[in-house]
Amino acid sequence: KCLKERGIIVPNDVSVICFDDTPETTGGIINLTTLAQNPNTMGRAAAENLLSLLHENGNHLCKKTIFPPALIVRDSVAPLGGK
């Protein structure tokens, strides 16, 4: 909305990408491209790590886990090279 008020057209003038695919990313002035995470998978991994830590009486090292996001392309990103 702020960009539109300033005469900036999404995605012609600027592309917009948001993080965490929340309900607010769709149904507004424009459907926003987003990087989506899976909170259930992340929560499950955190709980399993915590349970391992508790089971080992604090002698368990927390493991590093990378959760690659999913790119959901919507209307707020112009194709490479412009429209």
PDB file of N, CA and C in Angstrom:
ATOM      1  N   LYS A   1       0.834  -1.191   0.000  1.00  0.00           N
ATOM      2  CA  LYS A   1       0.000   0.000   0.000  1.00  0.00           C
ATOM      3  C   LYS A   1       0.879   1.255   0.000  1.00  0.00           C
ATOM      4  N   CYS A   2       1.917   1.239   0.820  1.00  0.00           N
ATOM      5  CA  CYS A   2       2.833   2.380   0.914  1.00  0.00           C
ATOM      6  C   CYS A   2       3.505   2.642  -0.432  1.00  0.00           C
ATOM      7  N   LEU A   3       3.970   1.585  -1.091  1.00  0.00           N
ATOM      8  CA  LEU A   3       4.609   1.752  -2.397  1.00  0.00           C
ATOM      9  C   LEU A   3       3.615   2.308  -3.414  1.00  0.00           C
ATOM     10  N   LYS A   4       2.393   1.780  -3.399  1.00  0.00           N
ATOM     11  CA  LYS A   4       1.364   2.243  -4.332  1.00  0.00           C
ATOM     12  C   LYS A   4       1.068   3.728  -4.132  1.00  0.00           C
ATOM     13  N   GLU A   5       0.997   4.157  -2.865  1.00  0.00           N
ATOM     14  CA  GLU A   5       0.742   5.565  -2.554  1.00  0.00           C
ATOM     15  C   GLU A   5       1.860   6.469  -3.083  1.00  0.00           C
ATOM     16  N   ARG A   6       3.065   5.933  -3.239  1.00  0.00           N
ATOM     17  CA  ARG A   6       4.202   6.702  -3.738  1.00  0.00           C
ATOM     18  C   ARG A   6       4.393   6.557  -5.247  1.00  0.00           C
ATOM     19  N   GLY A   7       3.441   5.897  -5.891  1.00  0.00           N
ATOM     20  CA  GLY A   7       3.501   5.736  -7.333  1.00  0.00           C
ATOM     21  C   GLY A   7       4.450   4.651  -7.805  1.00  0.00           C
ATOM     22  N   ILE A   8       4.851   3.775  -6.898  1.00  0.00           N
ATOM     23  CA  ILE A   8       5.752   2.676  -7.244  1.00  0.00           C
ATOM     24  C   ILE A   8       4.899   1.451  -7.527  1.00  0.00           C
ATOM     25  N   ILE A   9       5.101   0.861  -8.696  1.00  0.00           N
ATOM     26  CA  ILE A   9       4.276  -0.267  -9.117  1.00  0.00           C
ATOM     27  C   ILE A   9       5.014  -1.577  -8.857  1.00  0.00           C
ATOM     28  N   VAL A  10       4.374  -2.455  -8.090  1.00  0.00           N
ATOM     29  CA  VAL A  10       4.893  -3.794  -7.810  1.00  0.00           C
ATOM     30  C   VAL A  10       4.230  -4.733  -8.807  1.00  0.00           C
ATOM     31  N   PRO A  11       4.949  -5.528  -9.551  1.00  0.00           N
ATOM     32  CA  PRO A  11       6.383  -5.755  -9.562  1.00  0.00           C
ATOM     33  C   PRO A  11       7.127  -5.012 -10.667  1.00  0.00           C
ATOM     34  N   ASN A  12       6.462  -4.111 -11.396  1.00  0.00           N
ATOM     35  CA  ASN A  12       7.134  -3.432 -12.519  1.00  0.00           C
ATOM     36  C   ASN A  12       8.337  -2.612 -12.070  1.00  0.00           C
ATOM     37  N   ASP A  13       8.198  -1.837 -10.972  1.00  0.00           N
ATOM     38  CA  ASP A  13       9.277  -0.978 -10.496  1.00  0.00           C
ATOM     39  C   ASP A  13      10.152  -1.653  -9.445  1.00  0.00           C
ATOM     40  N   VAL A  14       9.558  -2.496  -8.648  1.00  0.00           N
ATOM     41  CA  VAL A  14      10.280  -3.176  -7.563  1.00  0.00           C
ATOM     42  C   VAL A  14       9.583  -4.510  -7.273  1.00  0.00           C
ATOM     43  N   SER A  15      10.388  -5.531  -6.993  1.00  0.00           N
ATOM     44  CA  SER A  15       9.844  -6.817  -6.569  1.00  0.00           C
ATOM     45  C   SER A  15       9.814  -6.857  -5.048  1.00  0.00           C
ATOM     46  N   VAL A  16       8.830  -7.542  -4.496  1.00  0.00           N
ATOM     47  CA  VAL A  16       8.686  -7.649  -3.044  1.00  0.00           C
ATOM     48  C   VAL A  16       8.580  -9.125  -2.672  1.00  0.00           C
ATOM     49  N   ILE A  17       9.424  -9.530  -1.725  1.00  0.00           N
ATOM     50  CA  ILE A  17       9.383 -10.901  -1.202  1.00  0.00           C
ATOM     51  C   ILE A  17       9.270 -10.820   0.311  1.00  0.00           C
ATOM     52  N   CYS A  18       8.386 -11.623   0.883  1.00  0.00           N
ATOM     53  CA  CYS A  18       8.250 -11.641   2.340  1.00  0.00           C
ATOM     54  C   CYS A  18       8.700 -12.999   2.881  1.00  0.00           C
ATOM     55  N   PHE A  19       8.716 -13.113   4.185  1.00  0.00           N
ATOM     56  CA  PHE A  19       9.185 -14.322   4.852  1.00  0.00           C
ATOM     57  C   PHE A  19       8.075 -14.866   5.730  1.00  0.00           C
ATOM     58  N   ASP A  20       7.928 -16.170   5.770  1.00  0.00           N
ATOM     59  CA  ASP A  20       6.888 -16.874   6.514  1.00  0.00           C
ATOM     60  C   ASP A  20       5.542 -16.629   5.846  1.00  0.00           C
ATOM     61  N   ASP A  21       5.041 -17.631   5.231  1.00  0.00           N
ATOM     62  CA  ASP A  21       3.815 -17.562   4.439  1.00  0.00           C
ATOM     63  C   ASP A  21       2.597 -17.419   5.356  1.00  0.00           C
ATOM     64  N   THR A  22       2.385 -16.207   5.850  1.00  0.00           N
ATOM     65  CA  THR A  22       1.252 -15.932   6.731  1.00  0.00           C
ATOM     66  C   THR A  22       0.014 -15.611   5.900  1.00  0.00           C
ATOM     67  N   PRO A  23      -1.172 -15.673   6.488  1.00  0.00           N
ATOM     68  CA  PRO A  23      -2.397 -15.372   5.739  1.00  0.00           C
ATOM     69  C   PRO A  23      -2.400 -13.980   5.111  1.00  0.00           C
ATOM     70  N   GLU A  24      -1.669 -13.049   5.684  1.00  0.00           N
ATOM     71  CA  GLU A  24      -1.639 -11.681   5.170  1.00  0.00           C
ATOM     72  C   GLU A  24      -0.914 -11.559   3.826  1.00  0.00           C
ATOM     73  N   THR A  25      -0.218 -12.608   3.399  1.00  0.00           N
ATOM     74  CA  THR A  25       0.532 -12.524   2.148  1.00  0.00           C
ATOM     75  C   THR A  25      -0.358 -12.658   0.915  1.00  0.00           C
ATOM     76  N   THR A  26      -1.593 -13.091   1.106  1.00  0.00           N
ATOM     77  CA  THR A  26      -2.522 -13.197  -0.019  1.00  0.00           C
ATOM     78  C   THR A  26      -3.809 -12.455   0.315  1.00  0.00           C
ATOM     79  N   GLY A  27      -4.507 -12.067  -0.714  1.00  0.00           N
ATOM     80  CA  GLY A  27      -5.803 -11.429  -0.521  1.00  0.00           C
ATOM     81  C   GLY A  27      -5.760  -9.933  -0.309  1.00  0.00           C
ATOM     82  N   GLY A  28      -4.586  -9.333  -0.375  1.00  0.00           N
ATOM     83  CA  GLY A  28      -4.462  -7.885  -0.216  1.00  0.00           C
ATOM     84  C   GLY A  28      -4.452  -7.201  -1.567  1.00  0.00           C
ATOM     85  N   ILE A  29      -3.752  -6.095  -1.648  1.00  0.00           N
ATOM     86  CA  ILE A  29      -3.630  -5.356  -2.903  1.00  0.00           C
ATOM     87  C   ILE A  29      -2.940  -6.231  -3.953  1.00  0.00           C
ATOM     88  N   ILE A  30      -1.950  -7.016  -3.504  1.00  0.00           N
ATOM     89  CA  ILE A  30      -1.213  -7.914  -4.397  1.00  0.00           C
ATOM     90  C   ILE A  30      -0.829  -9.152  -3.590  1.00  0.00           C
ATOM     91  N   ASN A  31      -0.832 -10.298  -4.248  1.00  0.00           N
ATOM     92  CA  ASN A  31      -0.398 -11.525  -3.581  1.00  0.00           C
ATOM     93  C   ASN A  31       1.124 -11.551  -3.554  1.00  0.00           C
ATOM     94  N   LEU A  32       1.683 -11.628  -2.343  1.00  0.00           N
ATOM     95  CA  LEU A  32       3.126 -11.503  -2.154  1.00  0.00           C
ATOM     96  C   LEU A  32       3.861 -12.822  -2.321  1.00  0.00           C
ATOM     97  N   THR A  33       4.964 -12.760  -3.048  1.00  0.00           N
ATOM     98  CA  THR A  33       5.885 -13.890  -3.117  1.00  0.00           C
ATOM     99  C   THR A  33       6.477 -14.064  -1.726  1.00  0.00           C
ATOM    100  N   THR A  34       6.695 -15.310  -1.314  1.00  0.00           N
ATOM    101  CA  THR A  34       7.152 -15.543   0.051  1.00  0.00           C
ATOM    102  C   THR A  34       8.123 -16.709   0.147  1.00  0.00           C
ATOM    103  N   LEU A  35       8.942 -16.676   1.174  1.00  0.00           N
ATOM    104  CA  LEU A  35       9.744 -17.827   1.566  1.00  0.00           C
ATOM    105  C   LEU A  35       9.004 -18.475   2.725  1.00  0.00           C
ATOM    106  N   ALA A  36       8.527 -19.686   2.521  1.00  0.00           N
ATOM    107  CA  ALA A  36       7.711 -20.356   3.526  1.00  0.00           C
ATOM    108  C   ALA A  36       8.527 -21.370   4.307  1.00  0.00           C
ATOM    109  N   GLN A  37       8.307 -21.388   5.595  1.00  0.00           N
ATOM    110  CA  GLN A  37       8.911 -22.379   6.488  1.00  0.00           C
ATOM    111  C   GLN A  37       7.810 -23.335   6.939  1.00  0.00           C
ATOM    112  N   ASN A  38       8.178 -24.503   7.391  1.00  0.00           N
ATOM    113  CA  ASN A  38       7.205 -25.435   7.944  1.00  0.00           C
ATOM    114  C   ASN A  38       7.350 -25.437   9.460  1.00  0.00           C
ATOM    115  N   PRO A  39       6.494 -24.681  10.167  1.00  0.00           N
ATOM    116  CA  PRO A  39       6.650 -24.581  11.623  1.00  0.00           C
ATOM    117  C   PRO A  39       6.446 -25.909  12.345  1.00  0.00           C
ATOM    118  N   ASN A  40       5.635 -26.809  11.795  1.00  0.00           N
ATOM    119  CA  ASN A  40       5.444 -28.115  12.441  1.00  0.00           C
ATOM    120  C   ASN A  40       6.727 -28.928  12.427  1.00  0.00           C
ATOM    121  N   THR A  41       7.413 -28.937  11.292  1.00  0.00           N
ATOM    122  CA  THR A  41       8.685 -29.659  11.186  1.00  0.00           C
ATOM    123  C   THR A  41       9.730 -29.043  12.106  1.00  0.00           C
ATOM    124  N   MET A  42       9.783 -27.723  12.146  1.00  0.00           N
ATOM    125  CA  MET A  42      10.758 -27.040  13.000  1.00  0.00           C
ATOM    126  C   MET A  42      10.468 -27.295  14.478  1.00  0.00           C
ATOM    127  N   GLY A  43       9.207 -27.242  14.857  1.00  0.00           N
ATOM    128  CA  GLY A  43       8.826 -27.485  16.249  1.00  0.00           C
ATOM    129  C   GLY A  43       9.117 -28.911  16.682  1.00  0.00           C
ATOM    130  N   ARG A  44       8.829 -29.858  15.777  1.00  0.00           N
ATOM    131  CA  ARG A  44       9.095 -31.264  16.087  1.00  0.00           C
ATOM    132  C   ARG A  44      10.585 -31.489  16.306  1.00  0.00           C
ATOM    133  N   ALA A  45      11.417 -30.929  15.451  1.00  0.00           N
ATOM    134  CA  ALA A  45      12.873 -31.086  15.584  1.00  0.00           C
ATOM    135  C   ALA A  45      13.374 -30.454  16.880  1.00  0.00           C
ATOM    136  N   ALA A  46      12.824 -29.281  17.234  1.00  0.00           N
ATOM    137  CA  ALA A  46      13.227 -28.620  18.482  1.00  0.00           C
ATOM    138  C   ALA A  46      12.836 -29.462  19.688  1.00  0.00           C
ATOM    139  N   ALA A  47      11.631 -30.027  19.658  1.00  0.00           N
ATOM    140  CA  ALA A  47      11.171 -30.863  20.772  1.00  0.00           C
ATOM    141  C   ALA A  47      12.031 -32.123  20.901  1.00  0.00           C
ATOM    142  N   GLU A  48      12.354 -32.739  19.765  1.00  0.00           N
ATOM    143  CA  GLU A  48      13.200 -33.939  19.808  1.00  0.00           C
ATOM    144  C   GLU A  48      14.579 -33.615  20.357  1.00  0.00           C
ATOM    145  N   ASN A  49      15.129 -32.479  19.983  1.00  0.00           N
ATOM    146  CA  ASN A  49      16.441 -32.067  20.487  1.00  0.00           C
ATOM    147  C   ASN A  49      16.384 -31.797  21.989  1.00  0.00           C
ATOM    148  N   LEU A  50      15.318 -31.151  22.441  1.00  0.00           N
ATOM    149  CA  LEU A  50      15.147 -30.875  23.865  1.00  0.00           C
ATOM    150  C   LEU A  50      15.002 -32.170  24.660  1.00  0.00           C
ATOM    151  N   LEU A  51      14.206 -33.099  24.148  1.00  0.00           N
ATOM    152  CA  LEU A  51      14.041 -34.387  24.835  1.00  0.00           C
ATOM    153  C   LEU A  51      15.364 -35.140  24.920  1.00  0.00           C
ATOM    154  N   SER A  52      16.165 -35.097  23.852  1.00  0.00           N
ATOM    155  CA  SER A  52      17.486 -35.735  23.890  1.00  0.00           C
ATOM    156  C   SER A  52      18.377 -35.076  24.933  1.00  0.00           C
ATOM    157  N   LEU A  53      18.309 -33.763  25.009  1.00  0.00           N
ATOM    158  CA  LEU A  53      19.103 -33.011  25.981  1.00  0.00           C
ATOM    159  C   LEU A  53      18.694 -33.393  27.411  1.00  0.00           C
ATOM    160  N   LEU A  54      17.392 -33.471  27.660  1.00  0.00           N
ATOM    161  CA  LEU A  54      16.897 -33.841  28.994  1.00  0.00           C
ATOM    162  C   LEU A  54      17.234 -35.288  29.333  1.00  0.00           C
ATOM    163  N   HIS A  55      17.120 -36.170  28.356  1.00  0.00           N
ATOM    164  CA  HIS A  55      17.387 -37.590  28.568  1.00  0.00           C
ATOM    165  C   HIS A  55      18.861 -37.821  28.899  1.00  0.00           C
ATOM    166  N   GLU A  56      19.743 -37.042  28.336  1.00  0.00           N
ATOM    167  CA  GLU A  56      21.187 -37.191  28.549  1.00  0.00           C
ATOM    168  C   GLU A  56      21.679 -36.343  29.728  1.00  0.00           C
ATOM    169  N   ASN A  57      20.761 -35.795  30.525  1.00  0.00           N
ATOM    170  CA  ASN A  57      21.108 -34.957  31.681  1.00  0.00           C
ATOM    171  C   ASN A  57      22.024 -33.793  31.323  1.00  0.00           C
ATOM    172  N   GLY A  58      21.774 -33.187  30.184  1.00  0.00           N
ATOM    173  CA  GLY A  58      22.555 -32.020  29.781  1.00  0.00           C
ATOM    174  C   GLY A  58      23.855 -32.343  29.084  1.00  0.00           C
ATOM    175  N   ASN A  59      24.168 -33.632  28.895  1.00  0.00           N
ATOM    176  CA  ASN A  59      25.417 -34.015  28.235  1.00  0.00           C
ATOM    177  C   ASN A  59      25.268 -34.149  26.721  1.00  0.00           C
ATOM    178  N   HIS A  60      24.099 -33.895  26.222  1.00  0.00           N
ATOM    179  CA  HIS A  60      23.824 -34.002  24.787  1.00  0.00           C
ATOM    180  C   HIS A  60      24.119 -32.665  24.114  1.00  0.00           C
ATOM    181  N   LEU A  61      24.848 -32.714  23.025  1.00  0.00           N
ATOM    182  CA  LEU A  61      25.102 -31.493  22.261  1.00  0.00           C
ATOM    183  C   LEU A  61      23.924 -31.244  21.323  1.00  0.00           C
ATOM    184  N   CYS A  62      23.451 -30.023  21.310  1.00  0.00           N
ATOM    185  CA  CYS A  62      22.379 -29.660  20.383  1.00  0.00           C
ATOM    186  C   CYS A  62      22.924 -29.749  18.970  1.00  0.00           C
ATOM    187  N   LYS A  63      22.162 -30.383  18.114  1.00  0.00           N
ATOM    188  CA  LYS A  63      22.621 -30.478  16.730  1.00  0.00           C
ATOM    189  C   LYS A  63      22.071 -29.321  15.916  1.00  0.00           C
ATOM    190  N   LYS A  64      22.860 -28.906  14.960  1.00  0.00           N
ATOM    191  CA  LYS A  64      22.452 -27.831  14.064  1.00  0.00           C
ATOM    192  C   LYS A  64      21.590 -28.438  12.965  1.00  0.00           C
ATOM    193  N   THR A  65      20.417 -27.874  12.774  1.00  0.00           N
ATOM    194  CA  THR A  65      19.505 -28.356  11.750  1.00  0.00           C
ATOM    195  C   THR A  65      19.149 -27.196  10.836  1.00  0.00           C
ATOM    196  N   ILE A  66      19.250 -27.434   9.557  1.00  0.00           N
ATOM    197  CA  ILE A  66      18.897 -26.413   8.574  1.00  0.00           C
ATOM    198  C   ILE A  66      17.580 -26.812   7.926  1.00  0.00           C
ATOM    199  N   PHE A  67      16.658 -25.875   7.920  1.00  0.00           N
ATOM    200  CA  PHE A  67      15.358 -26.091   7.319  1.00  0.00           C
ATOM    201  C   PHE A  67      15.240 -25.213   6.078  1.00  0.00           C
ATOM    202  N   PRO A  68      15.448 -25.783   4.901  1.00  0.00           N
ATOM    203  CA  PRO A  68      15.377 -24.958   3.703  1.00  0.00           C
ATOM    204  C   PRO A  68      13.947 -24.448   3.482  1.00  0.00           C
ATOM    205  N   PRO A  69      13.789 -23.167   3.203  1.00  0.00           N
ATOM    206  CA  PRO A  69      12.451 -22.634   2.957  1.00  0.00           C
ATOM    207  C   PRO A  69      11.989 -23.000   1.543  1.00  0.00           C
ATOM    208  N   ALA A  70      10.693 -22.922   1.339  1.00  0.00           N
ATOM    209  CA  ALA A  70      10.121 -23.128   0.006  1.00  0.00           C
ATOM    210  C   ALA A  70       9.783 -21.760  -0.574  1.00  0.00           C
ATOM    211  N   LEU A  71      10.206 -21.515  -1.793  1.00  0.00           N
ATOM    212  CA  LEU A  71       9.889 -20.266  -2.466  1.00  0.00           C
ATOM    213  C   LEU A  71       8.527 -20.405  -3.138  1.00  0.00           C
ATOM    214  N   ILE A  72       7.588 -19.556  -2.742  1.00  0.00           N
ATOM    215  CA  ILE A  72       6.258 -19.538  -3.343  1.00  0.00           C
ATOM    216  C   ILE A  72       6.148 -18.246  -4.143  1.00  0.00           C
ATOM    217  N   VAL A  73       6.236 -18.375  -5.458  1.00  0.00           N
ATOM    218  CA  VAL A  73       6.221 -17.207  -6.335  1.00  0.00           C
ATOM    219  C   VAL A  73       4.775 -16.800  -6.598  1.00  0.00           C
ATOM    220  N   ARG A  74       4.501 -15.523  -6.326  1.00  0.00           N
ATOM    221  CA  ARG A  74       3.179 -14.970  -6.573  1.00  0.00           C
ATOM    222  C   ARG A  74       3.331 -13.715  -7.442  1.00  0.00           C
ATOM    223  N   ASP A  75       2.439 -12.771  -7.283  1.00  0.00           N
ATOM    224  CA  ASP A  75       2.356 -11.621  -8.181  1.00  0.00           C
ATOM    225  C   ASP A  75       3.349 -10.494  -7.894  1.00  0.00           C
ATOM    226  N   SER A  76       4.074 -10.545  -6.793  1.00  0.00           N
ATOM    227  CA  SER A  76       4.893  -9.393  -6.381  1.00  0.00           C
ATOM    228  C   SER A  76       6.329  -9.422  -6.889  1.00  0.00           C
ATOM    229  N   VAL A  77       6.648 -10.376  -7.769  1.00  0.00           N
ATOM    230  CA  VAL A  77       7.996 -10.483  -8.298  1.00  0.00           C
ATOM    231  C   VAL A  77       7.936 -10.511  -9.813  1.00  0.00           C
ATOM    232  N   ALA A  78       8.735  -9.637 -10.426  1.00  0.00           N
ATOM    233  CA  ALA A  78       8.808  -9.604 -11.886  1.00  0.00           C
ATOM    234  C   ALA A  78       9.751 -10.693 -12.365  1.00  0.00           C
ATOM    235  N   PRO A  79       9.514 -11.215 -13.565  1.00  0.00           N
ATOM    236  CA  PRO A  79      10.455 -12.206 -14.111  1.00  0.00           C
ATOM    237  C   PRO A  79      11.828 -11.576 -14.328  1.00  0.00           C
ATOM    238  N   LEU A  80      12.841 -12.387 -14.298  1.00  0.00           N
ATOM    239  CA  LEU A  80      14.205 -11.906 -14.526  1.00  0.00           C
ATOM    240  C   LEU A  80      14.256 -11.170 -15.863  1.00  0.00           C
ATOM    241  N   GLY A  81      14.781  -9.971 -15.869  1.00  0.00           N
ATOM    242  CA  GLY A  81      14.845  -9.168 -17.072  1.00  0.00           C
ATOM    243  C   GLY A  81      13.689  -8.200 -17.207  1.00  0.00           C
ATOM    244  N   GLY A  82      12.760  -8.218 -16.221  1.00  0.00           N
ATOM    245  CA  GLY A  82      11.641  -7.274 -16.220  1.00  0.00           C
ATOM    246  C   GLY A  82      10.451  -7.756 -17.020  1.00  0.00           C
ATOM    247  N   LYS A  83       9.383  -6.997 -16.906  1.00  0.00           N
ATOM    248  CA  LYS A  83       8.143  -7.345 -17.603  1.00  0.00           C
ATOM    249  C   LYS A  83       8.081  -6.676 -18.943  1.00  0.00           C
TER     250      LYS A  83
END
